[in-house]
C-alpha cells in the first residue's frame, strides 16, 4: 500500500469504529501489555512521540508512567477520537496532523518515538524511510512493531513455496524479512534492547514488538 492511500484510509466510520473492531481480538491485549511493559522502563518526565497515534490506545499508559506525550497522525478523524480520549483522561498531550516521513522535530530532540501497526502497510523502501526519520528525531529509544518473515533461502524450496502462497493471501499487508529488519535497525544507529513476539503463525510469520536503544 502506498503512503497516499494510507493517508485517506482511516476516515469516517473506519476511524470511529477502529478500536471497537479490534479490542476483542486475541492480539490486542497482548500488544497493550508489551507496550506498557516497555513504557515502564522509561524515565518519568521523558518525552515520547506516538506516530501514528490513531485513536490514542496508549494514552492511559503515558499518564500512568508520567511521560510527556505528543501524538501525531495523518488522519484528522483518528486525531478527533484521540482528543476525546485525552480529555476524558485529563491528559496533557499535543495532538497534531503530520506525515510520519517528515516530522517537525529537531534531530535527537525526543527521548522516545513509538510506532505501532504501521510499517507493515508499506514496502521495505517505505519502512527504511520511516525508520530513518524516527531515528533522526529519537534521542534514546524507538518502540516499533513489525510483522516479520524469515528469508525463504534459509529454509529451502519448501518454505519458498509457502512464502509465495503466503504473499498471495496477504496482498495488502507487508511482512518484512527478519534479518533485513534487524540490519535496518543497526543501519539507523539502534540496537535491540528487548523484543517480544505477540503472535507466531503456522506459516512462520511473527508479529514482534521491539524496544530499540541508540547504539554507542
N, C-alpha and C. Protein backbone atom coordinates (compact mmCIF):
# COMPACT_ATOMS: atom_id res chain seq x y z
N UNK A 1 0.84 -1.19 0.00
CA UNK A 1 0.00 0.00 0.00
C UNK A 1 0.88 1.25 0.00
N UNK A 2 0.47 2.27 -0.70
CA UNK A 2 1.24 3.49 -0.80
C UNK A 2 0.89 4.45 0.33
N UNK A 3 1.80 5.37 0.64
CA UNK A 3 1.57 6.35 1.69
C UNK A 3 0.31 7.18 1.42
N UNK A 4 0.10 7.57 0.17
CA UNK A 4 -1.05 8.39 -0.17
C UNK A 4 -2.36 7.66 0.12
N UNK A 5 -2.37 6.36 -0.17
CA UNK A 5 -3.57 5.57 0.11
C UNK A 5 -3.80 5.45 1.60
N UNK A 6 -2.74 5.25 2.36
CA UNK A 6 -2.86 5.16 3.81
C UNK A 6 -3.39 6.46 4.41
N UNK A 7 -3.03 7.59 3.81
CA UNK A 7 -3.42 8.89 4.35
C UNK A 7 -4.92 9.13 4.29
N UNK A 8 -5.62 8.38 3.44
CA UNK A 8 -7.07 8.57 3.32
C UNK A 8 -7.86 7.35 3.79
N UNK A 9 -7.19 6.36 4.30
CA UNK A 9 -7.86 5.10 4.67
C UNK A 9 -8.66 5.22 5.96
N UNK A 10 -8.11 5.90 6.97
CA UNK A 10 -8.72 5.90 8.30
C UNK A 10 -9.53 7.17 8.53
N UNK A 11 -10.68 7.21 7.86
CA UNK A 11 -11.58 8.35 7.98
C UNK A 11 -13.00 7.85 8.24
N UNK A 12 -13.87 8.77 8.67
CA UNK A 12 -15.27 8.44 8.85
C UNK A 12 -15.49 7.26 9.79
N UNK A 13 -16.33 6.32 9.35
CA UNK A 13 -16.66 5.17 10.18
C UNK A 13 -15.49 4.26 10.47
N UNK A 14 -14.51 4.22 9.56
CA UNK A 14 -13.31 3.41 9.79
C UNK A 14 -12.57 3.91 11.02
N UNK A 15 -12.50 5.23 11.17
CA UNK A 15 -11.83 5.82 12.33
C UNK A 15 -12.65 5.66 13.60
N UNK A 16 -13.95 5.96 13.52
CA UNK A 16 -14.78 5.94 14.73
C UNK A 16 -14.97 4.53 15.29
N UNK A 17 -14.87 3.51 14.44
CA UNK A 17 -15.05 2.13 14.89
C UNK A 17 -13.74 1.38 15.05
N UNK A 18 -12.62 2.08 14.91
CA UNK A 18 -11.32 1.41 14.85
C UNK A 18 -11.07 0.52 16.06
N UNK A 19 -11.15 1.07 17.28
CA UNK A 19 -10.86 0.27 18.47
C UNK A 19 -11.94 -0.76 18.75
N UNK A 20 -13.19 -0.39 18.53
CA UNK A 20 -14.29 -1.32 18.82
C UNK A 20 -14.17 -2.60 18.02
N UNK A 21 -13.63 -2.51 16.81
CA UNK A 21 -13.50 -3.69 15.96
C UNK A 21 -12.26 -4.52 16.28
N UNK A 22 -11.37 -4.00 17.15
CA UNK A 22 -10.11 -4.68 17.39
C UNK A 22 -9.87 -5.11 18.83
N UNK A 23 -10.53 -4.47 19.77
CA UNK A 23 -10.25 -4.76 21.18
C UNK A 23 -10.63 -6.18 21.59
N UNK A 24 -11.50 -6.82 20.83
CA UNK A 24 -11.88 -8.18 21.16
C UNK A 24 -10.96 -9.24 20.59
N UNK A 25 -9.98 -8.83 19.80
CA UNK A 25 -9.06 -9.81 19.21
C UNK A 25 -8.08 -10.32 20.24
N UNK A 26 -7.51 -11.48 19.99
CA UNK A 26 -6.55 -12.07 20.94
C UNK A 26 -5.27 -11.26 21.01
N UNK A 27 -4.88 -10.61 19.90
CA UNK A 27 -3.63 -9.87 19.87
C UNK A 27 -3.68 -8.55 20.63
N UNK A 28 -4.83 -7.89 20.62
CA UNK A 28 -4.92 -6.54 21.17
C UNK A 28 -4.43 -6.44 22.62
N UNK A 29 -4.95 -7.26 23.56
CA UNK A 29 -4.47 -7.14 24.94
C UNK A 29 -2.99 -7.51 25.09
N UNK A 30 -2.49 -8.41 24.26
CA UNK A 30 -1.07 -8.75 24.29
C UNK A 30 -0.23 -7.55 23.86
N UNK A 31 -0.69 -6.86 22.82
CA UNK A 31 0.01 -5.66 22.36
C UNK A 31 0.01 -4.59 23.45
N UNK A 32 -1.14 -4.41 24.08
CA UNK A 32 -1.23 -3.41 25.15
C UNK A 32 -0.25 -3.73 26.27
N UNK A 33 -0.18 -5.01 26.63
CA UNK A 33 0.68 -5.41 27.75
C UNK A 33 2.16 -5.20 27.45
N UNK A 34 2.58 -5.53 26.23
CA UNK A 34 4.01 -5.38 25.92
C UNK A 34 4.39 -3.92 25.79
N UNK A 35 3.51 -3.08 25.23
CA UNK A 35 3.82 -1.66 25.15
C UNK A 35 3.88 -1.05 26.55
N UNK A 36 2.95 -1.42 27.41
CA UNK A 36 3.01 -0.91 28.78
C UNK A 36 4.31 -1.32 29.46
N UNK A 37 4.74 -2.56 29.25
CA UNK A 37 5.99 -3.03 29.87
C UNK A 37 7.18 -2.23 29.37
N UNK A 38 7.22 -1.99 28.08
CA UNK A 38 8.32 -1.19 27.52
C UNK A 38 8.30 0.24 28.07
N UNK A 39 7.10 0.82 28.14
CA UNK A 39 6.98 2.20 28.60
C UNK A 39 7.43 2.35 30.05
N UNK A 40 7.21 1.32 30.84
CA UNK A 40 7.58 1.41 32.25
C UNK A 40 9.10 1.37 32.46
N UNK A 41 9.86 1.10 31.41
CA UNK A 41 11.32 1.17 31.51
C UNK A 41 11.83 2.58 31.27
N UNK A 42 10.95 3.49 30.85
CA UNK A 42 11.36 4.85 30.51
C UNK A 42 11.30 5.76 31.73
N UNK A 43 12.19 6.71 31.83
CA UNK A 43 12.18 7.63 32.99
C UNK A 43 10.93 8.50 33.00
N UNK A 44 10.33 8.68 34.16
CA UNK A 44 9.20 9.58 34.30
C UNK A 44 9.64 10.98 33.88
N UNK A 45 8.74 11.66 33.18
CA UNK A 45 9.05 13.01 32.73
C UNK A 45 9.72 13.07 31.37
N UNK A 46 10.07 11.92 30.80
CA UNK A 46 10.71 11.93 29.49
C UNK A 46 9.67 12.11 28.38
N UNK A 47 10.11 12.62 27.25
CA UNK A 47 9.21 12.91 26.13
C UNK A 47 9.04 11.68 25.25
N UNK A 48 7.84 11.57 24.67
CA UNK A 48 7.55 10.47 23.75
C UNK A 48 6.64 10.97 22.65
N UNK A 49 6.94 10.56 21.43
CA UNK A 49 6.08 10.85 20.29
C UNK A 49 5.48 9.54 19.81
N UNK A 50 4.16 9.50 19.73
CA UNK A 50 3.41 8.34 19.26
C UNK A 50 2.93 8.66 17.85
N UNK A 51 3.47 7.93 16.86
CA UNK A 51 3.12 8.20 15.47
C UNK A 51 3.05 6.90 14.68
N UNK A 52 1.92 6.58 14.12
CA UNK A 52 0.66 7.31 14.19
C UNK A 52 -0.07 7.01 15.49
N UNK A 53 -0.61 8.05 16.12
CA UNK A 53 -1.27 7.87 17.42
C UNK A 53 -2.64 7.22 17.28
N UNK A 54 -3.24 7.29 16.10
CA UNK A 54 -4.55 6.68 15.90
C UNK A 54 -5.58 7.26 16.84
N UNK A 55 -6.35 6.38 17.47
CA UNK A 55 -7.39 6.82 18.41
C UNK A 55 -6.86 6.98 19.83
N UNK A 56 -5.55 6.80 20.00
CA UNK A 56 -4.95 7.02 21.32
C UNK A 56 -5.01 5.82 22.24
N UNK A 57 -4.73 4.65 21.72
CA UNK A 57 -4.86 3.43 22.51
C UNK A 57 -3.89 3.37 23.68
N UNK A 58 -2.78 4.10 23.62
CA UNK A 58 -1.77 4.04 24.69
C UNK A 58 -1.78 5.26 25.61
N UNK A 59 -2.75 6.14 25.46
CA UNK A 59 -2.74 7.39 26.22
C UNK A 59 -2.76 7.16 27.72
N UNK A 60 -3.53 6.19 28.18
CA UNK A 60 -3.59 5.94 29.63
C UNK A 60 -2.24 5.49 30.17
N UNK A 61 -1.46 4.80 29.37
CA UNK A 61 -0.12 4.38 29.81
C UNK A 61 0.81 5.58 29.95
N UNK A 62 0.69 6.53 29.04
CA UNK A 62 1.55 7.72 29.13
C UNK A 62 1.27 8.48 30.43
N UNK A 63 0.00 8.55 30.78
CA UNK A 63 -0.35 9.24 32.02
C UNK A 63 0.15 8.46 33.23
N UNK A 64 -0.07 7.15 33.24
CA UNK A 64 0.34 6.32 34.38
C UNK A 64 1.85 6.32 34.57
N UNK A 65 2.59 6.41 33.47
CA UNK A 65 4.06 6.38 33.54
C UNK A 65 4.68 7.76 33.71
N UNK A 66 3.85 8.79 33.72
CA UNK A 66 4.36 10.14 33.92
C UNK A 66 5.18 10.65 32.76
N UNK A 67 4.83 10.23 31.53
CA UNK A 67 5.57 10.66 30.34
C UNK A 67 4.96 11.94 29.77
N UNK A 68 5.74 12.61 28.93
CA UNK A 68 5.28 13.83 28.26
C UNK A 68 5.02 13.49 26.79
N UNK A 69 3.76 13.19 26.43
CA UNK A 69 3.48 12.66 25.10
C UNK A 69 3.09 13.71 24.06
N UNK A 70 3.40 13.38 22.83
CA UNK A 70 2.88 14.06 21.65
C UNK A 70 2.31 12.98 20.75
N UNK A 71 1.12 13.22 20.21
CA UNK A 71 0.50 12.25 19.31
C UNK A 71 0.33 12.84 17.92
N UNK A 72 0.82 12.13 16.92
CA UNK A 72 0.76 12.59 15.54
C UNK A 72 0.05 11.57 14.66
N UNK A 73 -0.73 12.06 13.70
CA UNK A 73 -1.42 11.15 12.78
C UNK A 73 -1.77 11.92 11.52
N UNK A 74 -1.84 11.23 10.41
CA UNK A 74 -2.21 11.85 9.14
C UNK A 74 -3.71 12.04 9.04
N UNK A 75 -4.49 11.29 9.87
CA UNK A 75 -5.95 11.31 9.80
C UNK A 75 -6.55 12.25 10.84
N UNK A 76 -7.27 13.26 10.37
CA UNK A 76 -7.94 14.18 11.28
C UNK A 76 -9.02 13.46 12.09
N UNK A 77 -9.67 12.47 11.49
CA UNK A 77 -10.73 11.74 12.19
C UNK A 77 -10.17 10.87 13.32
N UNK A 78 -9.03 10.25 13.09
CA UNK A 78 -8.40 9.47 14.16
C UNK A 78 -7.96 10.40 15.29
N UNK A 79 -7.41 11.55 14.93
CA UNK A 79 -7.00 12.52 15.94
C UNK A 79 -8.19 13.02 16.75
N UNK A 80 -9.34 13.17 16.12
CA UNK A 80 -10.52 13.62 16.84
C UNK A 80 -10.90 12.61 17.92
N UNK A 81 -10.80 11.32 17.61
CA UNK A 81 -11.09 10.29 18.62
C UNK A 81 -10.05 10.31 19.74
N UNK A 82 -8.79 10.53 19.38
CA UNK A 82 -7.74 10.61 20.39
C UNK A 82 -7.95 11.80 21.31
N UNK A 83 -8.42 12.91 20.77
CA UNK A 83 -8.67 14.10 21.58
C UNK A 83 -9.77 13.85 22.61
N UNK A 84 -10.80 13.12 22.21
CA UNK A 84 -11.87 12.77 23.15
C UNK A 84 -11.32 11.92 24.29
N UNK A 85 -10.49 10.96 23.95
CA UNK A 85 -9.91 10.08 24.97
C UNK A 85 -8.99 10.87 25.89
N UNK A 86 -8.16 11.75 25.33
CA UNK A 86 -7.24 12.55 26.13
C UNK A 86 -8.00 13.44 27.11
N UNK A 87 -9.10 14.00 26.64
CA UNK A 87 -9.92 14.85 27.50
C UNK A 87 -10.50 14.06 28.66
N UNK A 88 -10.98 12.85 28.38
CA UNK A 88 -11.55 12.00 29.43
C UNK A 88 -10.51 11.62 30.46
N UNK A 89 -9.26 11.49 30.03
CA UNK A 89 -8.16 11.11 30.93
C UNK A 89 -7.53 12.33 31.61
N UNK A 90 -7.95 13.53 31.19
CA UNK A 90 -7.32 14.77 31.66
C UNK A 90 -5.81 14.71 31.42
N UNK A 91 -5.45 14.23 30.23
CA UNK A 91 -4.05 14.07 29.86
C UNK A 91 -3.56 15.27 29.07
N UNK A 92 -2.46 15.83 29.49
CA UNK A 92 -1.84 16.93 28.77
C UNK A 92 -1.02 16.36 27.62
N UNK A 93 -1.53 16.50 26.40
CA UNK A 93 -0.86 15.94 25.23
C UNK A 93 -1.08 16.84 24.03
N UNK A 94 -0.05 17.02 23.25
CA UNK A 94 -0.17 17.72 21.98
C UNK A 94 -0.57 16.71 20.92
N UNK A 95 -1.66 16.97 20.22
CA UNK A 95 -2.14 16.10 19.15
C UNK A 95 -2.19 16.92 17.87
N UNK A 96 -1.53 16.43 16.83
CA UNK A 96 -1.44 17.21 15.61
C UNK A 96 -1.36 16.32 14.38
N UNK A 97 -1.74 16.87 13.25
CA UNK A 97 -1.66 16.16 11.99
C UNK A 97 -0.24 16.21 11.46
N UNK A 98 0.26 15.08 10.98
CA UNK A 98 1.64 15.03 10.50
C UNK A 98 1.85 13.83 9.58
N UNK A 99 2.85 13.94 8.74
CA UNK A 99 3.31 12.86 7.87
C UNK A 99 4.50 12.19 8.56
N UNK A 100 4.42 10.90 8.78
CA UNK A 100 5.47 10.18 9.52
C UNK A 100 6.83 10.29 8.85
N UNK A 101 6.87 10.59 7.57
CA UNK A 101 8.15 10.69 6.85
C UNK A 101 8.83 12.04 7.06
N UNK A 102 8.08 13.01 7.61
CA UNK A 102 8.60 14.37 7.76
C UNK A 102 8.11 14.94 9.09
N UNK A 103 8.81 14.62 10.15
CA UNK A 103 8.40 15.04 11.49
C UNK A 103 9.04 16.39 11.84
N UNK A 104 8.25 17.28 12.40
CA UNK A 104 8.71 18.65 12.68
C UNK A 104 9.44 18.74 14.02
N UNK A 105 10.49 17.95 14.15
CA UNK A 105 11.30 17.97 15.36
C UNK A 105 12.77 18.05 14.97
N UNK A 106 13.55 18.67 15.84
CA UNK A 106 14.99 18.72 15.61
C UNK A 106 15.60 17.34 15.81
N UNK A 107 16.80 17.15 15.31
CA UNK A 107 17.50 15.87 15.46
C UNK A 107 17.67 15.54 16.94
N UNK A 108 17.36 14.28 17.28
CA UNK A 108 17.54 13.75 18.64
C UNK A 108 16.91 14.63 19.71
N UNK A 109 15.73 15.16 19.41
CA UNK A 109 15.06 16.06 20.35
C UNK A 109 13.96 15.39 21.18
N UNK A 110 13.63 14.14 20.85
CA UNK A 110 12.57 13.41 21.55
C UNK A 110 13.20 12.17 22.19
N UNK A 111 12.91 11.95 23.46
CA UNK A 111 13.52 10.82 24.16
C UNK A 111 13.15 9.48 23.53
N UNK A 112 11.86 9.29 23.25
CA UNK A 112 11.37 8.01 22.71
C UNK A 112 10.36 8.27 21.60
N UNK A 113 10.45 7.48 20.54
CA UNK A 113 9.44 7.52 19.48
C UNK A 113 8.79 6.14 19.40
N UNK A 114 7.46 6.11 19.32
CA UNK A 114 6.72 4.85 19.27
C UNK A 114 5.95 4.78 17.96
N UNK A 115 6.03 3.63 17.29
CA UNK A 115 5.34 3.42 16.02
C UNK A 115 4.79 1.99 16.00
N UNK A 116 3.48 1.86 16.14
CA UNK A 116 2.84 0.55 16.23
C UNK A 116 1.80 0.40 15.12
N UNK A 117 1.76 -0.80 14.52
CA UNK A 117 0.78 -1.14 13.49
C UNK A 117 0.83 -0.19 12.29
N UNK A 118 2.02 0.13 11.85
CA UNK A 118 2.14 0.99 10.67
C UNK A 118 3.04 0.41 9.59
N UNK A 119 4.25 -0.01 9.95
CA UNK A 119 5.25 -0.32 8.92
C UNK A 119 4.89 -1.54 8.08
N UNK A 120 3.88 -2.29 8.48
CA UNK A 120 3.51 -3.45 7.67
C UNK A 120 2.44 -3.14 6.64
N UNK A 121 2.14 -1.85 6.48
CA UNK A 121 1.27 -1.43 5.38
C UNK A 121 2.09 -0.81 4.25
N UNK A 122 3.42 -0.78 4.41
CA UNK A 122 4.28 -0.17 3.40
C UNK A 122 5.38 -1.15 3.00
N UNK A 123 5.96 -0.93 1.82
CA UNK A 123 7.02 -1.82 1.36
C UNK A 123 8.31 -1.53 2.13
N UNK A 124 9.35 -2.31 1.84
CA UNK A 124 10.57 -2.18 2.63
C UNK A 124 11.25 -0.84 2.41
N UNK A 125 11.16 -0.29 1.21
CA UNK A 125 11.74 1.04 0.98
C UNK A 125 11.04 2.08 1.85
N UNK A 126 9.72 1.95 1.99
CA UNK A 126 8.98 2.85 2.87
C UNK A 126 9.36 2.64 4.32
N UNK A 127 9.55 1.39 4.71
CA UNK A 127 9.98 1.04 6.06
C UNK A 127 11.33 1.70 6.36
N UNK A 128 12.24 1.63 5.39
CA UNK A 128 13.56 2.26 5.56
C UNK A 128 13.43 3.77 5.76
N UNK A 129 12.56 4.40 4.97
CA UNK A 129 12.38 5.85 5.08
C UNK A 129 11.80 6.23 6.44
N UNK A 130 10.83 5.45 6.91
CA UNK A 130 10.22 5.72 8.21
C UNK A 130 11.22 5.54 9.33
N UNK A 131 11.98 4.45 9.29
CA UNK A 131 12.95 4.21 10.36
C UNK A 131 14.03 5.29 10.38
N UNK A 132 14.44 5.75 9.22
CA UNK A 132 15.44 6.82 9.17
C UNK A 132 14.91 8.08 9.84
N UNK A 133 13.64 8.40 9.61
CA UNK A 133 13.07 9.60 10.22
C UNK A 133 12.85 9.43 11.73
N UNK A 134 12.39 8.26 12.15
CA UNK A 134 12.22 8.00 13.58
C UNK A 134 13.57 8.09 14.30
N UNK A 135 14.60 7.51 13.66
CA UNK A 135 15.94 7.53 14.25
C UNK A 135 16.51 8.94 14.30
N UNK A 136 16.14 9.76 13.33
CA UNK A 136 16.63 11.14 13.32
C UNK A 136 16.15 11.92 14.54
N UNK A 137 14.87 11.74 14.90
CA UNK A 137 14.31 12.56 15.98
C UNK A 137 14.45 11.91 17.36
N UNK A 138 14.69 10.60 17.41
CA UNK A 138 14.76 9.90 18.70
C UNK A 138 16.12 10.08 19.35
N UNK A 139 16.12 10.55 20.58
CA UNK A 139 17.38 10.71 21.29
C UNK A 139 17.88 9.38 21.84
N UNK A 140 16.95 8.57 22.38
CA UNK A 140 17.38 7.37 23.09
C UNK A 140 16.70 6.08 22.66
N UNK A 141 15.38 6.11 22.39
CA UNK A 141 14.64 4.87 22.20
C UNK A 141 13.66 4.94 21.03
N UNK A 142 13.42 3.79 20.43
CA UNK A 142 12.34 3.61 19.47
C UNK A 142 11.59 2.34 19.85
N UNK A 143 10.28 2.43 19.89
CA UNK A 143 9.43 1.25 20.07
C UNK A 143 8.67 1.05 18.76
N UNK A 144 8.83 -0.11 18.14
CA UNK A 144 8.21 -0.34 16.84
C UNK A 144 7.73 -1.78 16.75
N UNK A 145 6.58 -1.96 16.11
CA UNK A 145 6.07 -3.31 15.88
C UNK A 145 6.26 -3.66 14.41
N UNK A 146 6.69 -4.90 14.16
CA UNK A 146 6.96 -5.35 12.79
C UNK A 146 6.47 -6.78 12.62
N UNK A 147 5.74 -7.02 11.57
CA UNK A 147 5.38 -8.39 11.21
C UNK A 147 6.52 -8.92 10.33
N UNK A 148 7.13 -10.00 10.76
CA UNK A 148 8.35 -10.47 10.10
C UNK A 148 8.19 -11.89 9.55
N UNK A 149 9.05 -12.17 8.59
CA UNK A 149 9.06 -13.46 7.91
C UNK A 149 10.50 -13.85 7.67
N UNK A 150 10.92 -15.07 7.99
CA UNK A 150 12.30 -15.48 7.76
C UNK A 150 12.58 -15.61 6.27
N UNK A 151 13.83 -15.41 5.89
CA UNK A 151 14.21 -15.46 4.48
C UNK A 151 13.96 -16.84 3.89
N UNK A 152 13.23 -16.95 2.78
CA UNK A 152 12.98 -18.25 2.16
C UNK A 152 14.25 -19.02 1.86
N UNK A 153 15.33 -18.32 1.48
CA UNK A 153 16.55 -19.03 1.12
C UNK A 153 17.15 -19.80 2.30
N UNK A 154 16.79 -19.40 3.50
CA UNK A 154 17.32 -20.07 4.68
C UNK A 154 16.59 -21.38 4.98
N UNK A 155 15.46 -21.58 4.33
CA UNK A 155 14.64 -22.74 4.67
C UNK A 155 14.36 -23.65 3.49
N UNK A 156 14.95 -23.33 2.33
CA UNK A 156 14.84 -24.24 1.21
C UNK A 156 13.62 -24.05 0.34
N UNK A 157 13.50 -24.93 -0.64
CA UNK A 157 12.45 -24.81 -1.64
C UNK A 157 11.07 -24.90 -1.04
N UNK A 158 10.86 -25.80 -0.07
CA UNK A 158 9.52 -25.98 0.50
C UNK A 158 9.01 -24.69 1.13
N UNK A 159 9.87 -24.03 1.93
CA UNK A 159 9.45 -22.81 2.58
C UNK A 159 9.28 -21.68 1.56
N UNK A 160 10.09 -21.70 0.52
CA UNK A 160 9.94 -20.71 -0.53
C UNK A 160 8.57 -20.81 -1.19
N UNK A 161 8.08 -22.03 -1.39
CA UNK A 161 6.76 -22.22 -1.95
C UNK A 161 5.68 -21.72 -0.99
N UNK A 162 5.89 -21.98 0.32
CA UNK A 162 4.96 -21.48 1.33
C UNK A 162 4.92 -19.96 1.31
N UNK A 163 6.10 -19.34 1.13
CA UNK A 163 6.19 -17.88 1.10
C UNK A 163 5.41 -17.30 -0.08
N UNK A 164 5.53 -17.92 -1.24
CA UNK A 164 4.79 -17.46 -2.41
C UNK A 164 3.30 -17.53 -2.17
N UNK A 165 2.85 -18.64 -1.58
CA UNK A 165 1.43 -18.80 -1.25
C UNK A 165 0.99 -17.76 -0.23
N UNK A 166 1.84 -17.52 0.76
CA UNK A 166 1.52 -16.55 1.81
C UNK A 166 1.35 -15.15 1.22
N UNK A 167 2.25 -14.74 0.32
CA UNK A 167 2.20 -13.42 -0.28
C UNK A 167 0.91 -13.22 -1.07
N UNK A 168 0.45 -14.28 -1.71
CA UNK A 168 -0.79 -14.18 -2.47
C UNK A 168 -1.99 -13.97 -1.55
N UNK A 169 -1.92 -14.55 -0.35
CA UNK A 169 -3.04 -14.45 0.59
C UNK A 169 -3.01 -13.16 1.40
N UNK A 170 -1.91 -12.45 1.38
CA UNK A 170 -1.77 -11.21 2.15
C UNK A 170 -1.28 -10.11 1.20
N UNK A 171 -2.11 -9.78 0.23
CA UNK A 171 -1.70 -8.85 -0.81
C UNK A 171 -1.45 -7.44 -0.29
N UNK A 172 -2.22 -7.01 0.73
CA UNK A 172 -2.06 -5.66 1.25
C UNK A 172 -1.03 -5.60 2.37
N UNK A 173 -1.13 -6.50 3.34
CA UNK A 173 -0.25 -6.47 4.49
C UNK A 173 1.15 -6.92 4.09
N UNK A 174 2.15 -6.17 4.51
CA UNK A 174 3.55 -6.47 4.17
C UNK A 174 4.27 -7.10 5.36
N UNK A 175 4.86 -8.25 5.14
CA UNK A 175 5.71 -8.87 6.15
C UNK A 175 7.16 -8.65 5.74
N UNK A 176 7.97 -8.14 6.64
CA UNK A 176 9.35 -7.81 6.33
C UNK A 176 10.29 -8.92 6.82
N UNK A 177 11.33 -9.16 6.07
CA UNK A 177 12.29 -10.19 6.42
C UNK A 177 12.97 -9.87 7.76
N UNK A 178 13.05 -10.86 8.64
CA UNK A 178 13.62 -10.65 9.97
C UNK A 178 15.05 -10.13 9.92
N UNK A 179 15.88 -10.80 9.11
CA UNK A 179 17.28 -10.41 9.03
C UNK A 179 17.43 -8.99 8.49
N UNK A 180 16.68 -8.67 7.43
CA UNK A 180 16.75 -7.34 6.84
C UNK A 180 16.25 -6.28 7.82
N UNK A 181 15.21 -6.62 8.59
CA UNK A 181 14.67 -5.70 9.58
C UNK A 181 15.71 -5.37 10.65
N UNK A 182 16.36 -6.39 11.17
CA UNK A 182 17.35 -6.16 12.22
C UNK A 182 18.59 -5.44 11.68
N UNK A 183 18.94 -5.69 10.43
CA UNK A 183 20.04 -4.95 9.81
C UNK A 183 19.67 -3.48 9.64
N UNK A 184 18.40 -3.23 9.33
CA UNK A 184 17.93 -1.85 9.20
C UNK A 184 18.05 -1.10 10.53
N UNK A 185 17.68 -1.75 11.61
CA UNK A 185 17.82 -1.12 12.93
C UNK A 185 19.27 -0.70 13.17
N UNK A 186 20.19 -1.58 12.83
CA UNK A 186 21.61 -1.28 13.01
C UNK A 186 22.05 -0.11 12.13
N UNK A 187 21.58 -0.10 10.88
CA UNK A 187 21.98 0.97 9.95
C UNK A 187 21.55 2.35 10.42
N UNK A 188 20.41 2.43 11.10
CA UNK A 188 19.94 3.75 11.56
C UNK A 188 20.48 4.08 12.95
N UNK A 189 21.36 3.21 13.48
CA UNK A 189 22.05 3.53 14.72
C UNK A 189 21.42 3.04 15.99
N UNK A 190 20.58 2.01 15.91
CA UNK A 190 19.90 1.49 17.09
C UNK A 190 20.15 -0.01 17.26
N UNK A 191 20.10 -0.45 18.50
CA UNK A 191 20.27 -1.87 18.83
C UNK A 191 19.03 -2.37 19.56
N UNK A 192 18.76 -3.65 19.42
CA UNK A 192 17.59 -4.24 20.09
C UNK A 192 17.90 -4.42 21.57
N UNK A 193 17.16 -3.71 22.42
CA UNK A 193 17.30 -3.84 23.87
C UNK A 193 16.36 -4.89 24.41
N UNK A 194 15.20 -5.05 23.76
CA UNK A 194 14.21 -6.04 24.19
C UNK A 194 13.28 -6.28 23.01
N UNK A 195 12.66 -7.44 22.99
CA UNK A 195 11.67 -7.74 21.96
C UNK A 195 10.71 -8.78 22.51
N UNK A 196 9.50 -8.76 21.98
CA UNK A 196 8.52 -9.76 22.38
C UNK A 196 7.63 -10.09 21.21
N UNK A 197 7.47 -11.38 20.96
CA UNK A 197 6.58 -11.84 19.90
C UNK A 197 5.17 -11.91 20.43
N UNK A 198 4.27 -11.19 19.79
CA UNK A 198 2.87 -11.17 20.20
C UNK A 198 2.12 -12.35 19.59
N UNK A 199 2.47 -12.66 18.35
CA UNK A 199 1.81 -13.79 17.70
C UNK A 199 2.77 -14.46 16.74
N UNK A 200 2.76 -15.80 16.73
CA UNK A 200 3.57 -16.55 15.79
C UNK A 200 2.64 -17.44 14.96
N UNK A 201 2.69 -17.29 13.64
CA UNK A 201 1.80 -18.03 12.77
C UNK A 201 2.36 -19.38 12.35
N UNK A 202 1.49 -20.26 11.93
CA UNK A 202 1.93 -21.56 11.43
C UNK A 202 2.71 -21.42 10.13
N UNK A 203 2.55 -20.27 9.45
CA UNK A 203 3.26 -20.03 8.19
C UNK A 203 4.63 -19.40 8.42
N UNK A 204 5.14 -19.49 9.68
CA UNK A 204 6.46 -19.00 10.04
C UNK A 204 6.53 -17.48 10.24
N UNK A 205 5.41 -16.78 10.12
CA UNK A 205 5.42 -15.34 10.35
C UNK A 205 5.30 -15.06 11.84
N UNK A 206 5.78 -13.88 12.24
CA UNK A 206 5.68 -13.45 13.64
C UNK A 206 5.34 -11.97 13.69
N UNK A 207 4.60 -11.59 14.72
CA UNK A 207 4.32 -10.18 14.96
C UNK A 207 5.14 -9.80 16.19
N UNK A 208 6.17 -8.99 15.98
CA UNK A 208 7.17 -8.72 17.02
C UNK A 208 7.18 -7.24 17.39
N UNK A 209 7.25 -6.99 18.68
CA UNK A 209 7.43 -5.62 19.20
C UNK A 209 8.87 -5.48 19.67
N UNK A 210 9.52 -4.44 19.19
CA UNK A 210 10.93 -4.20 19.52
C UNK A 210 11.08 -2.92 20.35
N UNK A 211 11.90 -3.00 21.37
CA UNK A 211 12.39 -1.83 22.09
C UNK A 211 13.82 -1.62 21.66
N UNK A 212 14.07 -0.52 20.93
CA UNK A 212 15.39 -0.23 20.42
C UNK A 212 16.04 0.88 21.21
N UNK A 213 17.34 0.77 21.44
CA UNK A 213 18.10 1.81 22.13
C UNK A 213 19.20 2.31 21.20
N UNK A 214 19.45 3.60 21.27
CA UNK A 214 20.51 4.16 20.44
C UNK A 214 21.84 3.53 20.79
N UNK A 215 22.54 3.09 19.77
CA UNK A 215 23.83 2.42 19.99
C UNK A 215 24.94 3.46 20.18
N UNK A 216 25.88 3.11 21.04
CA UNK A 216 27.06 3.97 21.20
C UNK A 216 26.82 5.20 22.04
